[in-house]
Amino acid sequence: RRGTRLAAARAAADDGAAVGEASASATSPGACAMFGCHWHYGAGKPCQCNPECLTYGNCCADYTSHCQWQSGSWPATHSQPTQPLPNDGGEAPGPSSEDSSSTAAPSPPQSSSSSSQGEASVPSKHGAYKLDWAAQGHSFFDGWTFLNEDVNHGSAEYLSREPAVQAGVVAAHATHAIVRAGEASPQYKYKRQSARIQSNKAWKTFLVTMDYTHVPYGCGVWPAFFTLAPDAPWPNGGEIDILEYVNMEQSKSSVHMGPGCTLNKDKVNKYGGMPDRNDMNYNCLTNYPDNLGCAPNKWMRTGQQWAEHPGVVALEWTEDFLKMFWIPKWEIPHDLTSDHPDTSTWDRWVYSYYPMKESGCSPDSIKPQKLLMQIGFCGDWAGKTWSLDNNRQCQAKAQNCRAVDPLAEYAPQEDCCTQFIWDHDKSHGTDKYLHERAFFNITYLKVYTKR
C-alpha cells in the first residue's frame, strides 16, 4: 500500500475486454448475476431480471438460472423490500447526467434494515459462523482507532475521532453510520478533511460483512475497505482489498503478499471465469512497480456502479481459501440477517476467489488482519492517473495543471487532482460535488468467526 499503484494506470490505459465487461453488463449473459434480480421493470434496459420478462420475452440470458422466479412470484430465497433506505439528510440524490452511464445497471428496490428483508429458507438451524464483533448504531465507531497518517502521499487530512465528528466527517445514527469527505482543511494547504479508521481487534480467519446503501466515488476520490496485518511488515503479513478504486475507474478485489504464493489457474475459476485483473498470472507477490499482487475477479464495477447498487459485500477467509461476495440488498438471506451465516449456500454471489490451500500457499502467508476503511484523495494513484480517466470526466474538472506523481516530485500546486480536491477559492464546486458522491452509508459492519 505504501508503493505506487501502476495497476490502475495499466488498467485505465487498456481499452480491452476487462474494461468493457462491466460497462456492457446490461447485455452480457451474466447481467442478472452481476446486478441482481428485480421486482419491477427497469426502464430503458435491453434485458430484464424481473418476473414480467417471461411474459414479454425480454429476459437476460441468465435470468432463469440466476433468479429462479416462479411465474411472477417472489422466490423463497429472496425478499421483497418494503421500506426506504435510511437517510441522514446528506444522502446523495440520484446520479447526475455527468456521472451516469447509458449502460449502468437498473436501480434496485431498496430496504433499510434486516427486519424488512422478509422470510427466506434456512438450510440449517445454525450456520457455520457465530457473531464475534459488530459496528452498528450509535456506537458504530467505538471499536475503531482513527488514524492520522496519509500513507498514500495525497490530499487527505485524516482527523481524529472528536474533530471528525465536529467536522461532520463521521456520524453514527441508530440505523446507519456515515463516513464522508469533509471540507478543505482550515490549517493545511492542499488538504481536505477525511477519515481513516482501523479496527482495534484483529482476526485470523473470519467472515466480515458490510451492509451498505452507498459507497464513495468521484474524481480525486480514493475510497478503500480492506484488511491489513498490524504486526508484520507490508506486504509480508498480507493485505486483502475488498473495495478499492480511484476517480471514475473500476474497483477490483486483490491480495498483496510477500513471495511464495501463486494461485492455481485451474482452481481459481471454480465459481466462473476469473481472470487476473492485475495481469500478474495470479502471482500474489507485491513489490511495486513490477509486481502488483493477484486480482482474480469475475466482474468489475466503477465506484458509481457500486454506489447505485446497495447490498452486502463480504470477505470469507478460511484455512483453505479467500472468497468475496456481493449480495444485492433485496436478496440478503435469512441466515445472515439472523446472524447465523451459512456461506455454503452463497456460491451464486461469489465474485472473487483465491484457492490458497489448493495452490500450495502457506497458511502463514496471511497474518491476523485488522479492518480498515478510508476516503483518500489524489496521491500516488488517484493523482497520478488523473489524466487516464477513460470518459475524461475528471480531466475537465481542473485546467492549466498536470498529473503529478508525488513519489517522484513534490508539486501539489501543479497537480490537477490536488487543485480540484483542495478548491481553496471555491471555483471548482468541489464541496457540493463531493457531498453528493463521496460518502459511505453503512447499515452495519460485522465479523463472524467459526463455531
Foldseek 3Di string as FASTA:
>chain_A
DLDFACLQVVLLVDPDDQQVCQLQLLQDLCNCLVQHAACDDQPPGQAHQHLCCVVVVRHRNCNCVQLVDDNRDHDQLWFDADDAADDPPLEFDPDDPLQDDSSFRGFHDHHHALVRLDAHDDPDPFAQWFFDDKQFAQCNCVQKFWDQDDSQAAAEGADGDVVCVVQVQWGGHRQWIKHFWGAFDPPDPLHTYGTKIWGPDWDQWWKKKFFFQFAFAAAQKWKWKWKQDPPDPPPQQKIWTQFTDHHFGKTFTFMAFADDFAFDCVPFCPLHFFDFSSPQNRGQYDDPPPHHGTTGFQHIHTSVSPNSFTFMWMWGDDLFWIWIFGATNRSDGPCVSVRRDHCVPRSSGTTGIGGGVVRVHDSSSHHTIMIMIIIGGQGSHSQQCQVSNNVCSRVVQFPQADRDHVVVHDDLVRTSRSCNCNVVVCPRVNNVVRSNGHMIITSMMTIIDGD
